[in-house]
Amino acid sequence: MFKPAEIICHSRQHFAAAFTAIRESSLQFEPIVRTAPDAAAYAGALYLRSAAELAQQSPEEIDQVVLDCGDNPSLVLGALRVGWLKFAFSGIPTVQAKLSQIILKSGGDVVQINQGPVIDLNITSHPINCCQTWLKQLYQDCYGD
């Protein structure tokens, strides 16, 4: 079974690196681009959305970014108000179910994360090179080239 790859972004430069590397890659699937866990708590959902929007080259890219809200439902509710559509939430099942309903009614989606390979761009001072190398390795692992 296919497990999606994930790129964790902390800043506009990270989002730009992820978007660019994905556009330039030969992958037949798109990795999940997401925020760091609970980043909305310390950076703010609006800042993260703005960082991703400034980094995008097409309007569709921002709609693919997942906001990782950890187990904090207030982060999800606040992020809905500033236009986020994709969420990762790891709270207790009853809260997950209720938030999922709210998110779906708002036109959003809940995404399962940490299911496949993950790279956190906070580990590098050269995010574009890191992303390109990582995606190239994923391609080789998937397609044997």
N, C-alpha and C. Protein backbone atom coordinates (compact mmCIF):
# COMPACT_ATOMS: atom_id res chain seq x y z
N MET A 1 0.84 -1.19 0.00
CA MET A 1 0.00 0.00 0.00
C MET A 1 0.88 1.25 0.00
N PHE A 2 0.50 2.23 -0.79
CA PHE A 2 1.24 3.49 -0.91
C PHE A 2 1.10 4.32 0.36
N LYS A 3 2.21 4.82 0.85
CA LYS A 3 2.22 5.71 2.02
C LYS A 3 2.82 7.03 1.57
N PRO A 4 2.04 8.11 1.64
CA PRO A 4 2.52 9.38 1.10
C PRO A 4 3.72 9.94 1.85
N ALA A 5 4.61 10.52 1.09
CA ALA A 5 5.76 11.21 1.67
C ALA A 5 5.30 12.57 2.17
N GLU A 6 6.04 13.12 3.14
CA GLU A 6 5.65 14.39 3.73
C GLU A 6 6.86 15.30 3.88
N ILE A 7 6.65 16.58 3.60
CA ILE A 7 7.69 17.59 3.78
C ILE A 7 7.18 18.58 4.82
N ILE A 8 7.90 18.69 5.94
CA ILE A 8 7.51 19.60 7.02
C ILE A 8 8.19 20.94 6.81
N CYS A 9 7.37 21.99 6.77
CA CYS A 9 7.86 23.35 6.52
C CYS A 9 7.62 24.25 7.73
N HIS A 10 8.59 25.13 7.98
CA HIS A 10 8.53 26.04 9.12
C HIS A 10 8.48 27.51 8.69
N SER A 11 8.77 27.80 7.42
CA SER A 11 8.91 29.20 6.98
C SER A 11 8.56 29.32 5.50
N ARG A 12 8.50 30.58 5.03
CA ARG A 12 8.25 30.82 3.62
C ARG A 12 9.31 30.16 2.76
N GLN A 13 10.57 30.22 3.18
CA GLN A 13 11.66 29.60 2.41
C GLN A 13 11.46 28.08 2.33
N HIS A 14 10.98 27.48 3.39
CA HIS A 14 10.73 26.04 3.37
C HIS A 14 9.59 25.70 2.41
N PHE A 15 8.50 26.48 2.48
CA PHE A 15 7.39 26.24 1.55
C PHE A 15 7.84 26.41 0.11
N ALA A 16 8.61 27.46 -0.16
CA ALA A 16 9.11 27.70 -1.52
C ALA A 16 9.97 26.53 -1.98
N ALA A 17 10.84 26.04 -1.12
CA ALA A 17 11.70 24.90 -1.47
C ALA A 17 10.86 23.66 -1.76
N ALA A 18 9.87 23.40 -0.92
CA ALA A 18 9.02 22.23 -1.13
C ALA A 18 8.24 22.33 -2.43
N PHE A 19 7.59 23.47 -2.67
CA PHE A 19 6.81 23.65 -3.90
C PHE A 19 7.70 23.52 -5.14
N THR A 20 8.85 24.15 -5.11
CA THR A 20 9.77 24.11 -6.25
C THR A 20 10.27 22.70 -6.51
N ALA A 21 10.71 22.03 -5.47
CA ALA A 21 11.23 20.67 -5.63
C ALA A 21 10.16 19.71 -6.15
N ILE A 22 8.93 19.87 -5.68
CA ILE A 22 7.84 19.01 -6.15
C ILE A 22 7.56 19.27 -7.62
N ARG A 23 7.49 20.55 -8.01
CA ARG A 23 7.25 20.89 -9.42
C ARG A 23 8.34 20.32 -10.32
N GLU A 24 9.59 20.34 -9.85
CA GLU A 24 10.72 19.89 -10.66
C GLU A 24 10.93 18.38 -10.62
N SER A 25 10.26 17.69 -9.72
CA SER A 25 10.51 16.26 -9.55
C SER A 25 9.80 15.44 -10.62
N SER A 26 10.22 14.19 -10.73
CA SER A 26 9.61 13.27 -11.68
C SER A 26 8.61 12.34 -11.01
N LEU A 27 8.28 12.62 -9.77
CA LEU A 27 7.37 11.75 -9.04
C LEU A 27 5.99 11.75 -9.68
N GLN A 28 5.35 10.60 -9.62
CA GLN A 28 4.01 10.48 -10.15
C GLN A 28 2.97 10.67 -9.05
N PHE A 29 3.44 11.12 -7.89
CA PHE A 29 2.56 11.44 -6.78
C PHE A 29 3.11 12.69 -6.11
N GLU A 30 2.23 13.42 -5.45
CA GLU A 30 2.68 14.63 -4.77
C GLU A 30 2.83 14.35 -3.29
N PRO A 31 4.00 14.65 -2.75
CA PRO A 31 4.15 14.53 -1.30
C PRO A 31 3.23 15.53 -0.58
N ILE A 32 2.90 15.21 0.64
CA ILE A 32 2.15 16.14 1.48
C ILE A 32 3.11 17.23 1.94
N VAL A 33 2.72 18.47 1.75
CA VAL A 33 3.47 19.60 2.30
C VAL A 33 2.70 20.03 3.54
N ARG A 34 3.38 20.07 4.68
CA ARG A 34 2.66 20.40 5.91
C ARG A 34 3.50 21.26 6.84
N THR A 35 2.81 21.81 7.81
CA THR A 35 3.50 22.61 8.82
C THR A 35 4.10 21.69 9.86
N ALA A 36 4.94 22.27 10.69
CA ALA A 36 5.47 21.53 11.83
C ALA A 36 4.34 21.26 12.82
N PRO A 37 4.47 20.20 13.60
CA PRO A 37 3.42 19.92 14.60
C PRO A 37 3.22 21.11 15.53
N ASP A 38 1.98 21.48 15.72
CA ASP A 38 1.59 22.58 16.61
C ASP A 38 2.17 23.94 16.22
N ALA A 39 2.64 24.08 15.00
CA ALA A 39 3.23 25.36 14.58
C ALA A 39 2.23 26.51 14.69
N ALA A 40 0.96 26.22 14.50
CA ALA A 40 -0.04 27.28 14.61
C ALA A 40 -0.09 27.85 16.02
N ALA A 41 0.32 27.08 17.01
CA ALA A 41 0.30 27.56 18.40
C ALA A 41 1.38 28.60 18.65
N TYR A 42 2.54 28.43 18.02
CA TYR A 42 3.62 29.39 18.28
C TYR A 42 3.84 30.39 17.16
N ALA A 43 3.46 30.05 15.94
CA ALA A 43 3.66 30.98 14.82
C ALA A 43 2.35 31.64 14.40
N GLY A 44 1.25 30.95 14.60
CA GLY A 44 -0.04 31.46 14.20
C GLY A 44 -0.48 30.92 12.85
N ALA A 45 -1.74 30.57 12.76
CA ALA A 45 -2.29 30.01 11.52
C ALA A 45 -2.22 31.02 10.38
N LEU A 46 -2.45 32.29 10.67
CA LEU A 46 -2.41 33.30 9.61
C LEU A 46 -0.99 33.48 9.08
N TYR A 47 0.00 33.52 9.97
CA TYR A 47 1.40 33.63 9.52
C TYR A 47 1.76 32.45 8.62
N LEU A 48 1.41 31.24 9.03
CA LEU A 48 1.77 30.06 8.25
C LEU A 48 1.06 30.06 6.89
N ARG A 49 -0.20 30.46 6.88
CA ARG A 49 -0.93 30.54 5.61
C ARG A 49 -0.29 31.59 4.71
N SER A 50 0.05 32.74 5.27
CA SER A 50 0.69 33.80 4.49
C SER A 50 2.05 33.35 3.97
N ALA A 51 2.81 32.64 4.78
CA ALA A 51 4.12 32.14 4.35
C ALA A 51 3.97 31.19 3.17
N ALA A 52 2.99 30.30 3.25
CA ALA A 52 2.76 29.36 2.15
C ALA A 52 2.25 30.08 0.90
N GLU A 53 1.36 31.06 1.08
CA GLU A 53 0.84 31.81 -0.07
C GLU A 53 1.94 32.59 -0.77
N LEU A 54 2.84 33.21 -0.01
CA LEU A 54 3.93 33.97 -0.61
C LEU A 54 4.90 33.06 -1.37
N ALA A 55 4.98 31.81 -0.98
CA ALA A 55 5.91 30.87 -1.60
C ALA A 55 5.34 30.18 -2.83
N GLN A 56 4.04 30.21 -3.00
CA GLN A 56 3.42 29.46 -4.09
C GLN A 56 3.60 30.14 -5.44
N GLN A 57 3.53 29.34 -6.49
CA GLN A 57 3.54 29.88 -7.85
C GLN A 57 2.19 29.70 -8.53
N SER A 58 1.34 28.88 -7.94
CA SER A 58 -0.02 28.73 -8.47
C SER A 58 -0.99 28.67 -7.29
N PRO A 59 -2.21 29.13 -7.49
CA PRO A 59 -3.18 29.17 -6.39
C PRO A 59 -3.50 27.81 -5.79
N GLU A 60 -3.29 26.76 -6.55
CA GLU A 60 -3.62 25.42 -6.07
C GLU A 60 -2.66 24.92 -5.00
N GLU A 61 -1.45 25.45 -4.99
CA GLU A 61 -0.44 24.93 -4.06
C GLU A 61 -0.84 25.15 -2.60
N ILE A 62 -1.36 26.31 -2.26
CA ILE A 62 -1.74 26.58 -0.87
C ILE A 62 -2.83 25.64 -0.41
N ASP A 63 -3.73 25.26 -1.30
CA ASP A 63 -4.83 24.39 -0.92
C ASP A 63 -4.38 22.96 -0.63
N GLN A 64 -3.15 22.64 -0.96
CA GLN A 64 -2.63 21.30 -0.69
C GLN A 64 -1.82 21.23 0.61
N VAL A 65 -1.56 22.38 1.23
CA VAL A 65 -0.76 22.40 2.46
C VAL A 65 -1.62 21.99 3.65
N VAL A 66 -1.07 21.10 4.47
CA VAL A 66 -1.76 20.60 5.66
C VAL A 66 -1.26 21.34 6.90
N LEU A 67 -2.18 21.86 7.68
CA LEU A 67 -1.84 22.50 8.95
C LEU A 67 -1.91 21.43 10.03
N ASP A 68 -0.76 21.12 10.63
CA ASP A 68 -0.69 20.12 11.70
C ASP A 68 -1.04 20.80 13.02
N CYS A 69 -2.21 20.49 13.54
CA CYS A 69 -2.69 21.13 14.77
C CYS A 69 -2.45 20.28 16.01
N GLY A 70 -1.71 19.19 15.87
CA GLY A 70 -1.46 18.33 17.03
C GLY A 70 -2.78 17.88 17.62
N ASP A 71 -2.92 17.99 18.93
CA ASP A 71 -4.16 17.58 19.59
C ASP A 71 -4.95 18.77 20.12
N ASN A 72 -4.71 19.96 19.55
CA ASN A 72 -5.33 21.19 20.03
C ASN A 72 -6.48 21.61 19.11
N PRO A 73 -7.73 21.37 19.53
CA PRO A 73 -8.87 21.72 18.66
C PRO A 73 -9.01 23.21 18.41
N SER A 74 -8.56 24.05 19.35
CA SER A 74 -8.70 25.50 19.13
C SER A 74 -7.85 25.97 17.96
N LEU A 75 -6.73 25.27 17.68
CA LEU A 75 -5.91 25.63 16.52
C LEU A 75 -6.67 25.38 15.23
N VAL A 76 -7.43 24.29 15.19
CA VAL A 76 -8.23 23.97 14.00
C VAL A 76 -9.30 25.04 13.80
N LEU A 77 -10.02 25.36 14.85
CA LEU A 77 -11.11 26.33 14.73
C LEU A 77 -10.60 27.71 14.32
N GLY A 78 -9.49 28.13 14.90
CA GLY A 78 -8.90 29.41 14.52
C GLY A 78 -8.41 29.41 13.08
N ALA A 79 -7.84 28.31 12.65
CA ALA A 79 -7.30 28.21 11.29
C ALA A 79 -8.41 28.21 10.24
N LEU A 80 -9.55 27.63 10.57
CA LEU A 80 -10.68 27.67 9.64
C LEU A 80 -11.07 29.12 9.34
N ARG A 81 -10.97 29.98 10.34
CA ARG A 81 -11.36 31.39 10.18
C ARG A 81 -10.43 32.15 9.24
N VAL A 82 -9.19 31.68 9.07
CA VAL A 82 -8.26 32.39 8.19
C VAL A 82 -8.04 31.66 6.87
N GLY A 83 -8.88 30.65 6.58
CA GLY A 83 -8.88 30.06 5.26
C GLY A 83 -8.18 28.73 5.07
N TRP A 84 -7.69 28.11 6.14
CA TRP A 84 -7.07 26.79 5.97
C TRP A 84 -8.13 25.77 5.57
N LEU A 85 -7.75 24.81 4.72
CA LEU A 85 -8.68 23.78 4.26
C LEU A 85 -8.25 22.36 4.62
N LYS A 86 -6.96 22.15 4.85
CA LYS A 86 -6.47 20.79 5.15
C LYS A 86 -5.83 20.78 6.53
N PHE A 87 -6.23 19.77 7.31
CA PHE A 87 -5.79 19.70 8.70
C PHE A 87 -5.32 18.31 9.07
N ALA A 88 -4.35 18.27 9.97
CA ALA A 88 -3.99 17.05 10.68
C ALA A 88 -4.32 17.32 12.14
N PHE A 89 -5.03 16.38 12.76
CA PHE A 89 -5.43 16.54 14.15
C PHE A 89 -5.32 15.19 14.85
N SER A 90 -4.67 15.17 16.00
CA SER A 90 -4.42 13.90 16.69
C SER A 90 -5.07 13.82 18.07
N GLY A 91 -6.12 14.57 18.29
CA GLY A 91 -6.80 14.56 19.58
C GLY A 91 -7.59 13.29 19.81
N ILE A 92 -8.29 13.25 20.92
CA ILE A 92 -9.06 12.06 21.27
C ILE A 92 -10.17 11.84 20.23
N PRO A 93 -10.57 10.57 20.04
CA PRO A 93 -11.52 10.23 18.96
C PRO A 93 -12.82 11.03 18.96
N THR A 94 -13.40 11.30 20.12
CA THR A 94 -14.67 12.04 20.12
C THR A 94 -14.47 13.47 19.61
N VAL A 95 -13.36 14.08 19.98
CA VAL A 95 -13.06 15.43 19.50
C VAL A 95 -12.71 15.38 18.01
N GLN A 96 -11.97 14.35 17.61
CA GLN A 96 -11.64 14.19 16.18
C GLN A 96 -12.91 14.10 15.34
N ALA A 97 -13.87 13.32 15.80
CA ALA A 97 -15.11 13.14 15.05
C ALA A 97 -15.86 14.47 14.90
N LYS A 98 -15.98 15.21 15.99
CA LYS A 98 -16.69 16.50 15.94
C LYS A 98 -15.96 17.50 15.05
N LEU A 99 -14.63 17.60 15.22
CA LEU A 99 -13.86 18.53 14.39
C LEU A 99 -13.93 18.14 12.92
N SER A 100 -13.90 16.85 12.64
CA SER A 100 -13.99 16.40 11.24
C SER A 100 -15.29 16.88 10.61
N GLN A 101 -16.38 16.81 11.36
CA GLN A 101 -17.67 17.29 10.85
C GLN A 101 -17.61 18.79 10.55
N ILE A 102 -17.04 19.55 11.47
CA ILE A 102 -16.93 21.00 11.28
C ILE A 102 -16.06 21.32 10.08
N ILE A 103 -14.93 20.63 9.96
CA ILE A 103 -14.00 20.85 8.85
C ILE A 103 -14.68 20.52 7.52
N LEU A 104 -15.35 19.38 7.46
CA LEU A 104 -16.02 18.97 6.21
C LEU A 104 -17.12 19.96 5.83
N LYS A 105 -17.89 20.44 6.81
CA LYS A 105 -18.94 21.43 6.53
C LYS A 105 -18.36 22.74 6.01
N SER A 106 -17.13 23.00 6.38
CA SER A 106 -16.44 24.23 5.94
C SER A 106 -15.73 24.04 4.60
N GLY A 107 -15.86 22.86 4.01
CA GLY A 107 -15.22 22.59 2.72
C GLY A 107 -13.79 22.10 2.84
N GLY A 108 -13.39 21.76 4.04
CA GLY A 108 -12.02 21.30 4.27
C GLY A 108 -11.91 19.79 4.34
N ASP A 109 -10.74 19.34 4.77
CA ASP A 109 -10.45 17.92 4.81
C ASP A 109 -9.49 17.63 5.96
N VAL A 110 -9.62 16.45 6.54
CA VAL A 110 -8.70 15.98 7.57
C VAL A 110 -7.77 14.96 6.92
N VAL A 111 -6.48 15.14 7.13
CA VAL A 111 -5.46 14.30 6.48
C VAL A 111 -4.71 13.51 7.54
N GLN A 112 -4.50 12.23 7.26
CA GLN A 112 -3.67 11.40 8.14
C GLN A 112 -2.21 11.67 7.80
N ILE A 113 -1.41 11.92 8.82
CA ILE A 113 0.01 12.20 8.60
C ILE A 113 0.87 11.14 9.30
N ASN A 114 2.16 11.22 9.04
CA ASN A 114 3.14 10.29 9.61
C ASN A 114 2.86 8.85 9.21
N GLN A 115 2.41 8.68 7.97
CA GLN A 115 2.14 7.35 7.45
C GLN A 115 3.26 6.84 6.55
N GLY A 116 4.07 7.73 6.04
CA GLY A 116 5.15 7.38 5.12
C GLY A 116 6.41 8.14 5.48
N PRO A 117 7.36 8.23 4.55
CA PRO A 117 8.61 8.94 4.82
C PRO A 117 8.36 10.43 5.04
N VAL A 118 9.10 11.01 5.98
CA VAL A 118 8.93 12.42 6.36
C VAL A 118 10.29 13.09 6.40
N ILE A 119 10.35 14.30 5.85
CA ILE A 119 11.55 15.12 6.01
C ILE A 119 11.14 16.45 6.63
N ASP A 120 11.89 16.87 7.64
CA ASP A 120 11.65 18.14 8.31
C ASP A 120 12.71 19.13 7.83
N LEU A 121 12.30 20.17 7.14
CA LEU A 121 13.25 21.12 6.57
C LEU A 121 13.95 21.99 7.61
N ASN A 122 13.56 21.87 8.85
CA ASN A 122 14.24 22.61 9.90
C ASN A 122 15.65 22.06 10.16
N ILE A 123 15.96 20.89 9.60
CA ILE A 123 17.27 20.26 9.82
C ILE A 123 18.35 20.80 8.90
N THR A 124 17.97 21.66 7.94
CA THR A 124 18.93 22.07 6.92
C THR A 124 18.98 23.58 6.75
N SER A 125 20.13 24.06 6.32
CA SER A 125 20.24 25.48 5.97
C SER A 125 20.09 25.67 4.46
N HIS A 126 19.91 24.57 3.72
CA HIS A 126 19.72 24.60 2.26
C HIS A 126 18.46 23.79 1.91
N PRO A 127 17.27 24.33 2.20
CA PRO A 127 16.06 23.54 2.03
C PRO A 127 15.79 23.08 0.61
N ILE A 128 16.10 23.88 -0.40
CA ILE A 128 15.82 23.46 -1.77
C ILE A 128 16.69 22.26 -2.15
N ASN A 129 17.97 22.31 -1.83
CA ASN A 129 18.85 21.18 -2.13
C ASN A 129 18.43 19.94 -1.36
N CYS A 130 18.07 20.13 -0.11
CA CYS A 130 17.63 19.02 0.72
C CYS A 130 16.37 18.37 0.13
N CYS A 131 15.39 19.18 -0.25
CA CYS A 131 14.15 18.66 -0.84
C CYS A 131 14.41 17.93 -2.15
N GLN A 132 15.21 18.54 -3.01
CA GLN A 132 15.49 17.92 -4.30
C GLN A 132 16.19 16.58 -4.13
N THR A 133 17.17 16.52 -3.25
CA THR A 133 17.90 15.27 -3.01
C THR A 133 16.97 14.21 -2.43
N TRP A 134 16.15 14.61 -1.48
CA TRP A 134 15.23 13.68 -0.83
C TRP A 134 14.20 13.14 -1.82
N LEU A 135 13.62 14.03 -2.64
CA LEU A 135 12.64 13.58 -3.62
C LEU A 135 13.27 12.69 -4.68
N LYS A 136 14.50 12.99 -5.07
CA LYS A 136 15.21 12.14 -6.03
C LYS A 136 15.40 10.74 -5.46
N GLN A 137 15.75 10.67 -4.18
CA GLN A 137 15.92 9.36 -3.54
C GLN A 137 14.58 8.62 -3.46
N LEU A 138 13.51 9.34 -3.16
CA LEU A 138 12.18 8.72 -3.15
C LEU A 138 11.83 8.15 -4.52
N TYR A 139 12.12 8.92 -5.56
CA TYR A 139 11.86 8.46 -6.92
C TYR A 139 12.62 7.17 -7.20
N GLN A 140 13.89 7.14 -6.83
CA GLN A 140 14.71 5.95 -7.05
C GLN A 140 14.17 4.76 -6.26
N ASP A 141 13.75 5.02 -5.03
CA ASP A 141 13.19 3.95 -4.20
C ASP A 141 11.89 3.41 -4.78
N CYS A 142 11.06 4.30 -5.34
CA CYS A 142 9.76 3.89 -5.88
C CYS A 142 9.85 3.26 -7.27
N TYR A 143 10.72 3.82 -8.11
CA TYR A 143 10.73 3.43 -9.51
C TYR A 143 12.00 2.73 -9.95
N GLY A 144 12.98 2.62 -9.05
CA GLY A 144 14.19 1.87 -9.36
C GLY A 144 15.10 2.49 -10.38
N ASP A 145 14.96 3.75 -10.64
CA ASP A 145 15.82 4.43 -11.63
C ASP A 145 17.06 4.94 -10.98
